[in-house]
Each structure stands twice: as C-alpha cells, then as structure tokens.
Amino acid sequence: MIAGAASRPRVSVFPKCYFDRLCRGEMDYVQWIRSAAALGGEGIEHYDGFFRSFDAAGVDPVVEAMAETGQATSMLCFSPDFTHDDADERARQVERQRRAIDLAVTLGTRYCRTLSGQKRPGLTRQEGMARTVDGLRRSIEYAERRGVVLCLENHYKDGTWRYPEFAQPEDIFLEILDRVDSPYLGVQYDPSNALVGGYDPVRFLGRVMARVVTMHASDRYLTEGAALEDLRQADGTLGYAAQLKHGETGKGLIDYDAIFRILAD
C-alpha cells in the first residue's frame, strides 16, 4: 500500500503465502503476476528474490506482464544486511542495495524497501547502529541520483534470515530515522511487526507518520498456546518462527480502525 495519495491509498498485493515457493523457483512468478490481476488490487509489490536474474531475460517478462495486465509496481521489497560482521560483506550489501534501486527504476516504482540487518549474537547497539547508518547513507547517495526513496521497515525478520532485525526495537528504529534525516529515507510501516516487536502499532504510527511513504496492511496471530516470548526463543532459526502466522487483515491482533483513522487525517 502506498500512503500519501491525494484521495485515498493505492492498494497492491504481495504473494506472502507463496514466498518460499517463488524464492526457490518452484512457482512461476510471471504466471502469478497474471493471475494476481483478478485479486482486485491496483498493483503488485515485488521481492528481489522472486527474480531469477536482474538482467533483461529475468526482468523484461515481469515488466511486460505488468503492462499487459494493467498493474502498477507499488514497491520493490529488498532486504540488505548492513549489520554483517565482515566489512567486505557490508560493502557488498550496499552494492546489492544499489542494484535493487536500479531494479526498482526498471520496474517503474520510486519506492524500495530497505532494512538494517540481522541482530547476530554479540552485536552491540553502538556497533549495529554505526553499521546501519553507514550502509543507509551510502545507499541513499545512489538512491537520490536515481530518484528512488528507500523505505525503512519496522521489521521482524526476513524470510531467509536466521536472526531478527537489528532495528526491531522501537527506540532503535526511531534513532536510525533521527540519524538519517533525508527525504530519500522514508518509513515502510508494518503494524503487525510493531506488535511482534513488543510496542503499540497505533502509537508508533503517530510517531513516524510524517515519514510514512508505504505500508504493509498485514495482520498476525499466534498459534494456540504461544506467546510473543516464544518468538525470541526461536532466534537462530531460518525464516519465521512457527508460532507466528499471517492472517486475514482485520481479523488478527491489529486495530485497523484506529490505524486507518490516523492515515485518513
């Protein structure tokens, strides 16, 4: 969903339930794009892992399918790992982010999701903050030249990661925003990720509203007998914790009436 439209938000769709199959190449992404035209959204949010390559052979069929079905690209979802322990790997992550910015331009969107990176064991707040801010600033230099806004998401964990997001805690996320005060760094707001992070999604929206450019209207629920603490016990497990489930928007734990009232003001 893209916020800030003059009349109402524009709604796009994302194949969350097919995420693993699309990343593994077990499901044809172009075919899914064509079928998504019947879902009622105005567009699609892409994930870089759904592309087999970023060259013309990998990207052109997606662009053509989007045009033929009359769908727009709302955002490119991308997951850099700026907090990696190895300096060479951190530099590679910046280069990956720059390639993702180029892909966003090719797909016809000026929004590209970004993250801080994984909170690996032993990573201090000071070091994680320094690495994240450095990676974002170096990426924003390129994003500005390309006319792309990076959208920092209050995130739980990328589906391919072992450890949760370094910037998952509200105070860390807000400090990053304060340190990187640029019109080319906005907020990709996800209320259910705020809930998982242990803070109030509605209050958080009020704090970041001035920089919100996109959002995920996601909803979550926990399996029977599970608690949020169980998610922290799952650190080091590849992908999402089994106790955490995505659900139908409006039927989970998120107060969407309150959220949409804020967005409408």
C-alpha atoms as a PDB file:
ATOM      1  CA  MET A   1       0.000   0.000   0.000  1.00  0.00           C
ATOM      2  CA  ILE A   2       1.265   3.474  -0.916  1.00  0.00           C
ATOM      3  CA  ALA A   3       0.377   6.189   1.593  1.00  0.00           C
ATOM      4  CA  GLY A   4       0.030   9.883   0.971  1.00  0.00           C
ATOM      5  CA  ALA A   5      -2.207   9.773  -2.098  1.00  0.00           C
ATOM      6  CA  ALA A   6      -4.379  12.858  -2.602  1.00  0.00           C
ATOM      7  CA  SER A   7      -7.671  10.991  -2.242  1.00  0.00           C
ATOM      8  CA  ARG A   8      -7.043   7.524  -0.869  1.00  0.00           C
ATOM      9  CA  PRO A   9      -4.240   4.987  -0.527  1.00  0.00           C
ATOM     10  CA  ARG A  10      -3.484   2.813  -3.530  1.00  0.00           C
ATOM     11  CA  VAL A  11      -3.647  -0.881  -2.736  1.00  0.00           C
ATOM     12  CA  SER A  12      -1.318  -3.527  -4.103  1.00  0.00           C
ATOM     13  CA  VAL A  13      -0.865  -7.219  -3.378  1.00  0.00           C
ATOM     14  CA  PHE A  14       2.093  -9.369  -2.355  1.00  0.00           C
ATOM     15  CA  PRO A  15       2.277 -13.193  -2.612  1.00  0.00           C
ATOM     16  CA  LYS A  16       3.226 -13.840   1.018  1.00  0.00           C
ATOM     17  CA  CYS A  17       1.673 -17.303   1.063  1.00  0.00           C
ATOM     18  CA  TYR A  18       3.797 -18.319  -1.933  1.00  0.00           C
ATOM     19  CA  PHE A  19       7.005 -16.625  -0.733  1.00  0.00           C
ATOM     20  CA  ASP A  20       9.137 -19.746  -0.250  1.00  0.00           C
ATOM     21  CA  ARG A  21       7.989 -21.416  -3.473  1.00  0.00           C
ATOM     22  CA  LEU A  22       8.675 -18.284  -5.517  1.00  0.00           C
ATOM     23  CA  CYS A  23      12.117 -17.799  -3.964  1.00  0.00           C
ATOM     24  CA  ARG A  24      13.032 -21.415  -4.697  1.00  0.00           C
ATOM     25  CA  GLY A  25      11.821 -21.127  -8.282  1.00  0.00           C
ATOM     26  CA  GLU A  26       9.150 -23.777  -7.740  1.00  0.00           C
ATOM     27  CA  MET A  27       6.434 -21.377  -8.868  1.00  0.00           C
ATOM     28  CA  ASP A  28       6.491 -19.196 -11.975  1.00  0.00           C
ATOM     29  CA  TYR A  29       6.439 -15.550 -10.945  1.00  0.00           C
ATOM     30  CA  VAL A  30       5.211 -14.179 -14.277  1.00  0.00           C
ATOM     31  CA  GLN A  31       2.317 -16.612 -14.213  1.00  0.00           C
ATOM     32  CA  TRP A  32       1.444 -15.483 -10.682  1.00  0.00           C
ATOM     33  CA  ILE A  33       1.520 -11.828 -11.789  1.00  0.00           C
ATOM     34  CA  ARG A  34      -1.021 -12.591 -14.484  1.00  0.00           C
ATOM     35  CA  SER A  35      -3.293 -14.395 -12.044  1.00  0.00           C
ATOM     36  CA  ALA A  36      -2.948 -11.564  -9.497  1.00  0.00           C
ATOM     37  CA  ALA A  37      -4.776  -9.200 -11.837  1.00  0.00           C
ATOM     38  CA  ALA A  38      -8.030 -10.830 -10.687  1.00  0.00           C
ATOM     39  CA  LEU A  39      -7.416 -10.102  -6.980  1.00  0.00           C
ATOM     40  CA  GLY A  40      -8.751  -6.557  -7.082  1.00  0.00           C
ATOM     41  CA  GLY A  41      -5.593  -4.636  -6.249  1.00  0.00           C
ATOM     42  CA  GLU A  42      -4.156  -1.835  -8.332  1.00  0.00           C
ATOM     43  CA  GLY A  43      -0.675  -3.256  -8.421  1.00  0.00           C
ATOM     44  CA  ILE A  44       1.965  -5.588  -7.062  1.00  0.00           C
ATOM     45  CA  GLU A  45       4.805  -5.307  -4.583  1.00  0.00           C
ATOM     46  CA  HIS A  46       7.785  -7.271  -5.884  1.00  0.00           C
ATOM     47  CA  TYR A  47      10.540  -9.021  -3.925  1.00  0.00           C
ATOM     48  CA  ASP A  48      14.007  -9.218  -5.434  1.00  0.00           C
ATOM     49  CA  GLY A  49      14.272 -12.915  -4.554  1.00  0.00           C
ATOM     50  CA  PHE A  50      11.427 -13.718  -6.952  1.00  0.00           C
ATOM     51  CA  PHE A  51      13.643 -12.796  -9.916  1.00  0.00           C
ATOM     52  CA  ARG A  52      15.945 -15.454 -11.327  1.00  0.00           C
ATOM     53  CA  SER A  53      18.246 -12.664 -12.572  1.00  0.00           C
ATOM     54  CA  PHE A  54      18.317  -8.875 -12.807  1.00  0.00           C
ATOM     55  CA  ASP A  55      19.238  -8.827 -16.495  1.00  0.00           C
ATOM     56  CA  ALA A  56      16.791  -8.344 -19.356  1.00  0.00           C
ATOM     57  CA  ALA A  57      15.971 -12.047 -19.520  1.00  0.00           C
ATOM     58  CA  GLY A  58      14.906 -12.050 -15.884  1.00  0.00           C
ATOM     59  CA  VAL A  59      13.189  -8.662 -15.682  1.00  0.00           C
ATOM     60  CA  ASP A  60      11.597  -7.928 -19.065  1.00  0.00           C
ATOM     61  CA  PRO A  61       8.946 -10.694 -18.810  1.00  0.00           C
ATOM     62  CA  VAL A  62       7.827  -9.222 -15.471  1.00  0.00           C
ATOM     63  CA  VAL A  63       7.613  -5.690 -16.891  1.00  0.00           C
ATOM     64  CA  GLU A  64       5.652  -6.980 -19.879  1.00  0.00           C
ATOM     65  CA  ALA A  65       3.230  -8.981 -17.730  1.00  0.00           C
ATOM     66  CA  MET A  66       2.604  -5.958 -15.510  1.00  0.00           C
ATOM     67  CA  ALA A  67       1.855  -3.764 -18.529  1.00  0.00           C
ATOM     68  CA  GLU A  68      -0.352  -6.341 -20.230  1.00  0.00           C
ATOM     69  CA  THR A  69      -2.464  -6.824 -17.092  1.00  0.00           C
ATOM     70  CA  GLY A  70      -2.677  -3.111 -16.270  1.00  0.00           C
ATOM     71  CA  GLN A  71      -0.970  -3.421 -12.888  1.00  0.00           C
ATOM     72  CA  ALA A  72       1.486  -0.944 -11.367  1.00  0.00           C
ATOM     73  CA  THR A  73       4.541  -1.707  -9.254  1.00  0.00           C
ATOM     74  CA  SER A  74       3.982  -0.247  -5.789  1.00  0.00           C
ATOM     75  CA  MET A  75       7.374  -1.055  -4.271  1.00  0.00           C
ATOM     76  CA  LEU A  76      10.355  -3.361  -4.575  1.00  0.00           C
ATOM     77  CA  CYS A  77      10.834  -5.293  -1.340  1.00  0.00           C
ATOM     78  CA  PHE A  78      14.545  -5.731  -0.588  1.00  0.00           C
ATOM     79  CA  SER A  79      16.466  -6.975   2.455  1.00  0.00           C
ATOM     80  CA  PRO A  80      20.046  -5.719   2.843  1.00  0.00           C
ATOM     81  CA  ASP A  81      22.097  -6.969   5.782  1.00  0.00           C
ATOM     82  CA  PHE A  82      24.064  -3.854   6.727  1.00  0.00           C
ATOM     83  CA  THR A  83      24.978  -5.175  10.190  1.00  0.00           C
ATOM     84  CA  HIS A  84      27.143  -8.063   8.982  1.00  0.00           C
ATOM     85  CA  ASP A  85      30.362  -8.605  10.951  1.00  0.00           C
ATOM     86  CA  ASP A  86      32.586  -8.607   7.856  1.00  0.00           C
ATOM     87  CA  ALA A  87      33.401  -5.195   6.346  1.00  0.00           C
ATOM     88  CA  ASP A  88      33.735  -6.595   2.818  1.00  0.00           C
ATOM     89  CA  GLU A  89      30.323  -8.206   3.138  1.00  0.00           C
ATOM     90  CA  ARG A  90      28.822  -4.925   4.337  1.00  0.00           C
ATOM     91  CA  ALA A  91      30.227  -3.225   1.243  1.00  0.00           C
ATOM     92  CA  ARG A  92      28.663  -5.963  -0.872  1.00  0.00           C
ATOM     93  CA  GLN A  93      25.319  -5.321   0.809  1.00  0.00           C
ATOM     94  CA  VAL A  94      25.495  -1.654  -0.188  1.00  0.00           C
ATOM     95  CA  GLU A  95      26.187  -2.723  -3.753  1.00  0.00           C
ATOM     96  CA  ARG A  96      23.224  -5.119  -3.584  1.00  0.00           C
ATOM     97  CA  GLN A  97      21.043  -2.247  -2.385  1.00  0.00           C
ATOM     98  CA  ARG A  98      22.190  -0.110  -5.299  1.00  0.00           C
ATOM     99  CA  ARG A  99      21.324  -2.880  -7.756  1.00  0.00           C
ATOM    100  CA  ALA A 100      17.913  -3.140  -6.112  1.00  0.00           C
ATOM    101  CA  ILE A 101      17.446   0.600  -6.625  1.00  0.00           C
ATOM    102  CA  ASP A 102      18.193   0.118 -10.321  1.00  0.00           C
ATOM    103  CA  LEU A 103      15.681  -2.737 -10.443  1.00  0.00           C
ATOM    104  CA  ALA A 104      13.035  -0.546  -8.807  1.00  0.00           C
ATOM    105  CA  VAL A 105      13.544   2.060 -11.530  1.00  0.00           C
ATOM    106  CA  THR A 106      13.234  -0.581 -14.247  1.00  0.00           C
ATOM    107  CA  LEU A 107      10.022  -1.846 -12.666  1.00  0.00           C
ATOM    108  CA  GLY A 108       8.586   1.672 -12.672  1.00  0.00           C
ATOM    109  CA  THR A 109       8.488   2.466  -8.959  1.00  0.00           C
ATOM    110  CA  ARG A 110      10.278   5.090  -6.892  1.00  0.00           C
ATOM    111  CA  TYR A 111       9.980   3.062  -3.669  1.00  0.00           C
ATOM    112  CA  CYS A 112      12.420   0.391  -2.499  1.00  0.00           C
ATOM    113  CA  ARG A 113      12.122  -1.300   0.897  1.00  0.00           C
ATOM    114  CA  THR A 114      15.270  -1.425   2.993  1.00  0.00           C
ATOM    115  CA  LEU A 115      16.278  -2.847   6.382  1.00  0.00           C
ATOM    116  CA  SER A 116      19.061  -2.574   8.944  1.00  0.00           C
ATOM    117  CA  GLY A 117      20.280  -6.162   9.057  1.00  0.00           C
ATOM    118  CA  GLN A 118      20.352  -9.140  11.379  1.00  0.00           C
ATOM    119  CA  LYS A 119      20.887  -8.854  15.113  1.00  0.00           C
ATOM    120  CA  ARG A 120      23.511 -11.569  15.403  1.00  0.00           C
ATOM    121  CA  PRO A 121      24.697 -12.750  18.813  1.00  0.00           C
ATOM    122  CA  GLY A 122      27.250 -10.334  20.265  1.00  0.00           C
ATOM    123  CA  LEU A 123      26.255  -7.334  18.144  1.00  0.00           C
ATOM    124  CA  THR A 124      26.185  -4.258  20.370  1.00  0.00           C
ATOM    125  CA  ARG A 125      23.728  -1.439  19.919  1.00  0.00           C
ATOM    126  CA  GLN A 126      26.539   1.028  19.215  1.00  0.00           C
ATOM    127  CA  GLU A 127      28.150  -1.115  16.521  1.00  0.00           C
ATOM    128  CA  GLY A 128      24.848  -2.132  14.967  1.00  0.00           C
ATOM    129  CA  MET A 129      23.770   1.492  14.807  1.00  0.00           C
ATOM    130  CA  ALA A 130      27.035   2.608  13.219  1.00  0.00           C
ATOM    131  CA  ARG A 131      26.910  -0.122  10.573  1.00  0.00           C
ATOM    132  CA  THR A 132      23.255   0.515   9.751  1.00  0.00           C
ATOM    133  CA  VAL A 133      23.620   4.279   9.458  1.00  0.00           C
ATOM    134  CA  ASP A 134      26.721   3.911   7.286  1.00  0.00           C
ATOM    135  CA  GLY A 135      25.019   1.433   4.959  1.00  0.00           C
ATOM    136  CA  LEU A 136      21.915   3.569   4.638  1.00  0.00           C
ATOM    137  CA  ARG A 137      23.812   6.789   3.979  1.00  0.00           C
ATOM    138  CA  ARG A 138      25.943   5.176   1.281  1.00  0.00           C
ATOM    139  CA  SER A 139      22.832   3.698  -0.309  1.00  0.00           C
ATOM    140  CA  ILE A 140      20.875   6.959  -0.137  1.00  0.00           C
ATOM    141  CA  GLU A 141      23.601   8.766  -2.078  1.00  0.00           C
ATOM    142  CA  TYR A 142      22.808   6.478  -5.000  1.00  0.00           C
ATOM    143  CA  ALA A 143      19.040   6.451  -4.407  1.00  0.00           C
ATOM    144  CA  GLU A 144      18.917  10.241  -4.669  1.00  0.00           C
ATOM    145  CA  ARG A 145      20.683  10.172  -8.034  1.00  0.00           C
ATOM    146  CA  ARG A 146      18.145   7.623  -9.279  1.00  0.00           C
ATOM    147  CA  GLY A 147      15.113   9.388  -7.807  1.00  0.00           C
ATOM    148  CA  VAL A 148      14.218   6.479  -5.514  1.00  0.00           C
ATOM    149  CA  VAL A 149      13.035   6.685  -1.908  1.00  0.00           C
ATOM    150  CA  LEU A 150      14.329   3.956   0.391  1.00  0.00           C
ATOM    151  CA  CYS A 151      11.580   2.776   2.741  1.00  0.00           C
ATOM    152  CA  LEU A 152      12.933   1.596   6.099  1.00  0.00           C
ATOM    153  CA  GLU A 153      10.582  -1.013   7.506  1.00  0.00           C
ATOM    154  CA  ASN A 154       9.936  -1.667  11.181  1.00  0.00           C
ATOM    155  CA  HIS A 155      10.614  -5.307  10.561  1.00  0.00           C
ATOM    156  CA  TYR A 156      10.600  -8.653  12.326  1.00  0.00           C
ATOM    157  CA  LYS A 157      12.778 -10.880  10.205  1.00  0.00           C
ATOM    158  CA  ASP A 158      13.350 -11.515   6.519  1.00  0.00           C
ATOM    159  CA  GLY A 159      12.084 -14.908   5.433  1.00  0.00           C
ATOM    160  CA  THR A 160      15.625 -16.015   4.556  1.00  0.00           C
ATOM    161  CA  TRP A 161      17.361 -14.793   7.752  1.00  0.00           C
ATOM    162  CA  ARG A 162      18.383 -16.653  10.900  1.00  0.00           C
ATOM    163  CA  TYR A 163      18.218 -13.722  13.298  1.00  0.00           C
ATOM    164  CA  PRO A 164      15.634 -10.960  13.791  1.00  0.00           C
ATOM    165  CA  GLU A 165      16.017  -7.394  12.610  1.00  0.00           C
ATOM    166  CA  PHE A 166      18.542  -5.254  14.483  1.00  0.00           C
ATOM    167  CA  ALA A 167      16.120  -2.319  14.289  1.00  0.00           C
ATOM    168  CA  GLN A 168      13.165  -4.341  15.560  1.00  0.00           C
ATOM    169  CA  PRO A 169      13.019  -2.430  18.901  1.00  0.00           C
ATOM    170  CA  GLU A 170      11.106   0.821  18.564  1.00  0.00           C
ATOM    171  CA  ASP A 171      13.787   3.014  20.127  1.00  0.00           C
ATOM    172  CA  ILE A 172      16.498   1.717  17.796  1.00  0.00           C
ATOM    173  CA  PHE A 173      14.296   2.231  14.741  1.00  0.00           C
ATOM    174  CA  LEU A 174      13.492   5.797  15.767  1.00  0.00           C
ATOM    175  CA  GLU A 175      17.155   6.595  16.436  1.00  0.00           C
ATOM    176  CA  ILE A 176      18.090   5.410  12.951  1.00  0.00           C
ATOM    177  CA  LEU A 177      15.463   7.728  11.465  1.00  0.00           C
ATOM    178  CA  ASP A 178      16.814  10.633  13.515  1.00  0.00           C
ATOM    179  CA  ARG A 179      20.374   9.962  12.383  1.00  0.00           C
ATOM    180  CA  VAL A 180      19.480   9.615   8.706  1.00  0.00           C
ATOM    181  CA  ASP A 181      17.259  12.637   8.150  1.00  0.00           C
ATOM    182  CA  SER A 182      16.800  12.575   4.392  1.00  0.00           C
ATOM    183  CA  PRO A 183      13.789  12.908   2.081  1.00  0.00           C
ATOM    184  CA  TYR A 184      15.150   9.793   0.384  1.00  0.00           C
ATOM    185  CA  LEU A 185      14.644   7.688   3.510  1.00  0.00           C
ATOM    186  CA  GLY A 186      11.006   7.187   4.417  1.00  0.00           C
ATOM    187  CA  VAL A 187       9.174   4.660   6.576  1.00  0.00           C
ATOM    188  CA  GLN A 188       7.638   1.435   5.361  1.00  0.00           C
ATOM    189  CA  TYR A 189       5.114   0.969   8.176  1.00  0.00           C
ATOM    190  CA  ASP A 190       4.009  -2.515   9.228  1.00  0.00           C
ATOM    191  CA  PRO A 191       1.660  -2.580  12.236  1.00  0.00           C
ATOM    192  CA  SER A 192       1.916  -6.313  12.849  1.00  0.00           C
ATOM    193  CA  ASN A 193       5.703  -6.090  13.016  1.00  0.00           C
ATOM    194  CA  ALA A 194       5.324  -3.441  15.719  1.00  0.00           C
ATOM    195  CA  LEU A 195       3.198  -5.868  17.695  1.00  0.00           C
ATOM    196  CA  VAL A 196       5.815  -8.607  17.345  1.00  0.00           C
ATOM    197  CA  GLY A 197       8.482  -6.099  18.401  1.00  0.00           C
ATOM    198  CA  GLY A 198       6.636  -5.507  21.658  1.00  0.00           C
ATOM    199  CA  TYR A 199       5.337  -1.979  21.084  1.00  0.00           C
ATOM    200  CA  ASP A 200       1.985  -0.428  20.244  1.00  0.00           C
ATOM    201  CA  PRO A 201       1.345  -0.192  16.466  1.00  0.00           C
ATOM    202  CA  VAL A 202      -1.045   2.757  16.743  1.00  0.00           C
ATOM    203  CA  ARG A 203       1.209   4.837  18.990  1.00  0.00           C
ATOM    204  CA  PHE A 204       4.186   4.025  16.759  1.00  0.00           C
ATOM    205  CA  LEU A 205       2.323   5.210  13.660  1.00  0.00           C
ATOM    206  CA  GLY A 206       1.735   8.547  15.352  1.00  0.00           C
ATOM    207  CA  ARG A 207       5.470   8.894  15.944  1.00  0.00           C
ATOM    208  CA  VAL A 208       6.558   8.128  12.366  1.00  0.00           C
ATOM    209  CA  MET A 209       3.559   9.354  10.368  1.00  0.00           C
ATOM    210  CA  ALA A 210       5.430  12.344   8.929  1.00  0.00           C
ATOM    211  CA  ARG A 211       7.831   9.967   7.159  1.00  0.00           C
ATOM    212  CA  VAL A 212       5.493   7.122   6.192  1.00  0.00           C
ATOM    213  CA  VAL A 213       5.531   6.566   2.427  1.00  0.00           C
ATOM    214  CA  THR A 214       4.360   2.947   2.173  1.00  0.00           C
ATOM    215  CA  MET A 215       2.826   0.347   4.468  1.00  0.00           C
ATOM    216  CA  HIS A 216       2.016  -3.337   4.752  1.00  0.00           C
ATOM    217  CA  ALA A 217      -1.584  -3.849   5.850  1.00  0.00           C
ATOM    218  CA  SER A 218      -0.632  -7.150   7.445  1.00  0.00           C
ATOM    219  CA  ASP A 219      -2.248  -8.860  10.385  1.00  0.00           C
ATOM    220  CA  ARG A 220      -0.863 -11.537  12.680  1.00  0.00           C
ATOM    221  CA  TYR A 221      -1.953 -14.097  15.171  1.00  0.00           C
ATOM    222  CA  LEU A 222      -0.104 -16.567  17.364  1.00  0.00           C
ATOM    223  CA  THR A 223      -0.769 -20.287  17.329  1.00  0.00           C
ATOM    224  CA  GLU A 224      -2.780 -21.641  20.248  1.00  0.00           C
ATOM    225  CA  GLY A 225      -0.770 -21.619  23.465  1.00  0.00           C
ATOM    226  CA  ALA A 226       2.049 -19.467  22.016  1.00  0.00           C
ATOM    227  CA  ALA A 227       3.306 -16.151  23.397  1.00  0.00           C
ATOM    228  CA  LEU A 228       5.455 -13.359  21.967  1.00  0.00           C
ATOM    229  CA  GLU A 229       8.336 -14.563  24.154  1.00  0.00           C
ATOM    230  CA  ASP A 230       8.363 -17.791  22.121  1.00  0.00           C
ATOM    231  CA  LEU A 231       9.493 -15.774  19.095  1.00  0.00           C
ATOM    232  CA  ARG A 232      12.614 -14.642  20.918  1.00  0.00           C
ATOM    233  CA  GLN A 233      13.356 -18.254  21.804  1.00  0.00           C
ATOM    234  CA  ALA A 234      13.358 -19.008  18.058  1.00  0.00           C
ATOM    235  CA  ASP A 235      16.353 -16.741  17.294  1.00  0.00           C
ATOM    236  CA  GLY A 236      18.769 -18.601  15.032  1.00  0.00           C
ATOM    237  CA  THR A 237      16.010 -20.492  13.241  1.00  0.00           C
ATOM    238  CA  LEU A 238      15.894 -19.958   9.488  1.00  0.00           C
ATOM    239  CA  GLY A 239      12.854 -17.930   8.460  1.00  0.00           C
ATOM    240  CA  TYR A 240       9.809 -17.082  10.551  1.00  0.00           C
ATOM    241  CA  ALA A 241       9.062 -18.741  13.862  1.00  0.00           C
ATOM    242  CA  ALA A 242       6.431 -21.470  13.528  1.00  0.00           C
ATOM    243  CA  GLN A 243       4.288 -19.857  16.252  1.00  0.00           C
ATOM    244  CA  LEU A 244       3.783 -16.657  14.216  1.00  0.00           C
ATOM    245  CA  LYS A 245       1.145 -16.687  11.495  1.00  0.00           C
ATOM    246  CA  HIS A 246      -0.051 -14.171   8.953  1.00  0.00           C
ATOM    247  CA  GLY A 247      -3.820 -13.868   8.855  1.00  0.00           C
ATOM    248  CA  GLU A 248      -6.646 -12.084   7.100  1.00  0.00           C
ATOM    249  CA  THR A 249      -6.342  -8.334   7.547  1.00  0.00           C
ATOM    250  CA  GLY A 250      -8.766  -7.079  10.162  1.00  0.00           C
ATOM    251  CA  LYS A 251      -9.255 -10.458  11.827  1.00  0.00           C
ATOM    252  CA  GLY A 252      -5.987 -10.677  13.744  1.00  0.00           C
ATOM    253  CA  LEU A 253      -4.448  -8.705  16.584  1.00  0.00           C
ATOM    254  CA  ILE A 254      -4.176  -5.291  14.877  1.00  0.00           C
ATOM    255  CA  ASP A 255      -6.588  -2.383  15.471  1.00  0.00           C
ATOM    256  CA  TYR A 256      -7.030  -1.344  11.856  1.00  0.00           C
ATOM    257  CA  ASP A 257      -9.912   1.026  12.591  1.00  0.00           C
ATOM    258  CA  ALA A 258      -7.556   3.197  14.650  1.00  0.00           C
ATOM    259  CA  ILE A 259      -4.751   2.921  12.099  1.00  0.00           C
ATOM    260  CA  PHE A 260      -6.874   3.959   9.140  1.00  0.00           C
ATOM    261  CA  ARG A 261      -8.284   6.899  11.098  1.00  0.00           C
ATOM    262  CA  ILE A 262      -4.741   8.209  11.581  1.00  0.00           C
ATOM    263  CA  LEU A 263      -3.863   7.648   7.931  1.00  0.00           C
ATOM    264  CA  ALA A 264      -7.013   9.472   6.820  1.00  0.00           C
ATOM    265  CA  ASP A 265      -6.236  12.633   8.826  1.00  0.00           C
END
